[in-house]
Structures are given as C-alpha cells and as structure tokens.
Amino acid sequence: MSKVTKKGLTKNQKIATLANELRKDNYFITNKIEPGQKKIFICPECKKKFDLSKSLEYGAAVEMFEARGGLCVGCYYKKTGELVY
C-alpha cells in the first residue's frame, strides 16, 4: 500500500489517474479515496460542498478541482467561460 497524504494523491492513485487518461475505451481503473485523504471539497464562490468519499475516480476528481483553482464546474465557467471537467 502506498503512503497516504492528507493533501495529495497517493503514488498508486497518480498512476491510475494517468492510466485512465490514456485509455481509448470505456474501461478504467477505479481509484477510490483512502483513509486520511480529504473527502469534502467546498467551492469558494458558491460554497457548495462536494463529497468525494464515494467517488470511483477520486484521483481525477481531485485533479479537476485543482485545475479549476478549487472552483466547481459552474463557478469556473461563470468566471472564465471555459468548461473544465
């Protein structure tokens, strides 16, 4: 088992996320949250809470929040006019 950090993804989660990005079919590696990782993300604009504890692709979900600067999809779109999923 890989080391878990409260802020970042584990090594295994990073590898699974990268592998899933490269897939061309509809199969993907599940990448669930591990104990000690952040599960609730709050959009700083609309204050909506997102619980990622049951996410099948935790790594990608966390990376998308980071890519949007912590904003949810709606707030990021309102601010930039771009859709980042």
Protein backbone atom coordinates (compact mmCIF):
# COMPACT_ATOMS: atom_id res chain seq x y z
CA MET A 1 0.00 0.00 0.00
CA SER A 2 1.26 3.46 -0.81
CA LYS A 3 1.72 6.30 1.62
CA VAL A 4 -1.36 8.48 2.07
CA THR A 5 -1.12 12.22 2.49
CA LYS A 6 -3.95 14.49 3.57
CA LYS A 7 -3.46 16.93 0.71
CA GLY A 8 -2.18 14.92 -2.22
CA LEU A 9 -2.85 11.72 -4.05
CA THR A 10 -1.02 8.52 -3.29
CA LYS A 11 1.50 7.18 -5.78
CA ASN A 12 -0.94 4.44 -6.83
CA GLN A 13 -3.74 6.99 -7.33
CA LYS A 14 -1.49 9.13 -9.52
CA ILE A 15 -0.56 6.12 -11.66
CA ALA A 16 -4.20 5.02 -12.00
CA THR A 17 -5.30 8.55 -12.92
CA LEU A 18 -2.62 8.79 -15.61
CA ALA A 19 -3.53 5.34 -16.98
CA ASN A 20 -7.21 6.31 -17.12
CA GLU A 21 -6.39 9.50 -19.04
CA LEU A 22 -4.58 7.46 -21.68
CA ARG A 23 -7.40 4.92 -22.20
CA LYS A 24 -9.26 4.98 -25.50
CA ASP A 25 -12.02 2.54 -24.49
CA ASN A 26 -14.70 2.68 -21.79
CA TYR A 27 -12.69 0.75 -19.20
CA PHE A 28 -10.94 2.47 -16.35
CA ILE A 29 -9.17 1.67 -13.11
CA THR A 30 -11.21 2.56 -10.06
CA ASN A 31 -9.36 4.99 -7.87
CA LYS A 32 -11.17 5.35 -4.56
CA ILE A 33 -10.37 7.57 -1.62
CA GLU A 34 -8.01 6.16 1.00
CA PRO A 35 -8.16 6.78 4.76
CA GLY A 36 -6.80 10.18 5.75
CA GLN A 37 -7.47 11.91 2.45
CA LYS A 38 -9.67 14.96 2.08
CA LYS A 39 -13.20 13.93 1.14
CA ILE A 40 -15.21 17.18 1.27
CA PHE A 41 -14.36 19.92 -1.22
CA ILE A 42 -16.08 23.32 -0.93
CA CYS A 43 -16.30 25.76 -3.82
CA PRO A 44 -15.04 29.13 -2.53
CA GLU A 45 -17.50 31.03 -4.76
CA CYS A 46 -20.89 29.32 -4.25
CA LYS A 47 -19.96 27.48 -1.00
CA LYS A 48 -21.45 24.22 -2.34
CA LYS A 49 -19.98 21.09 -0.72
CA PHE A 50 -18.85 18.14 -2.83
CA ASP A 51 -18.40 14.80 -1.04
CA LEU A 52 -15.90 12.68 -2.97
CA SER A 53 -15.84 9.82 -0.45
CA LYS A 54 -17.90 7.57 -2.77
CA SER A 55 -16.21 8.66 -6.00
CA LEU A 56 -14.98 5.82 -8.20
CA GLU A 57 -12.37 8.10 -9.74
CA TYR A 58 -11.12 10.08 -6.76
CA GLY A 59 -7.78 10.99 -8.36
CA ALA A 60 -9.32 12.61 -11.43
CA ALA A 61 -11.94 14.44 -9.35
CA VAL A 62 -9.25 15.96 -7.12
CA GLU A 63 -7.14 16.91 -10.13
CA MET A 64 -10.12 18.66 -11.74
CA PHE A 65 -10.76 20.73 -8.60
CA GLU A 66 -7.09 21.70 -8.61
CA ALA A 67 -7.16 22.54 -12.34
CA ARG A 68 -10.12 24.87 -11.71
CA GLY A 69 -8.41 26.52 -8.74
CA GLY A 70 -10.81 24.86 -6.28
CA LEU A 71 -13.95 26.08 -8.05
CA CYS A 72 -16.87 23.89 -9.06
CA VAL A 73 -17.62 23.48 -12.78
CA GLY A 74 -20.42 26.09 -12.73
CA CYS A 75 -18.46 28.81 -10.96
CA TYR A 76 -15.38 28.19 -13.07
CA TYR A 77 -17.47 28.52 -16.24
CA LYS A 78 -19.08 31.75 -14.99
CA LYS A 79 -15.66 33.19 -14.21
CA THR A 80 -13.72 32.05 -17.30
CA GLY A 81 -16.22 30.93 -19.94
CA GLU A 82 -14.36 27.60 -20.19
CA LEU A 83 -15.64 24.13 -19.30
CA VAL A 84 -13.11 22.01 -17.41
CA TYR A 85 -14.40 18.62 -16.30
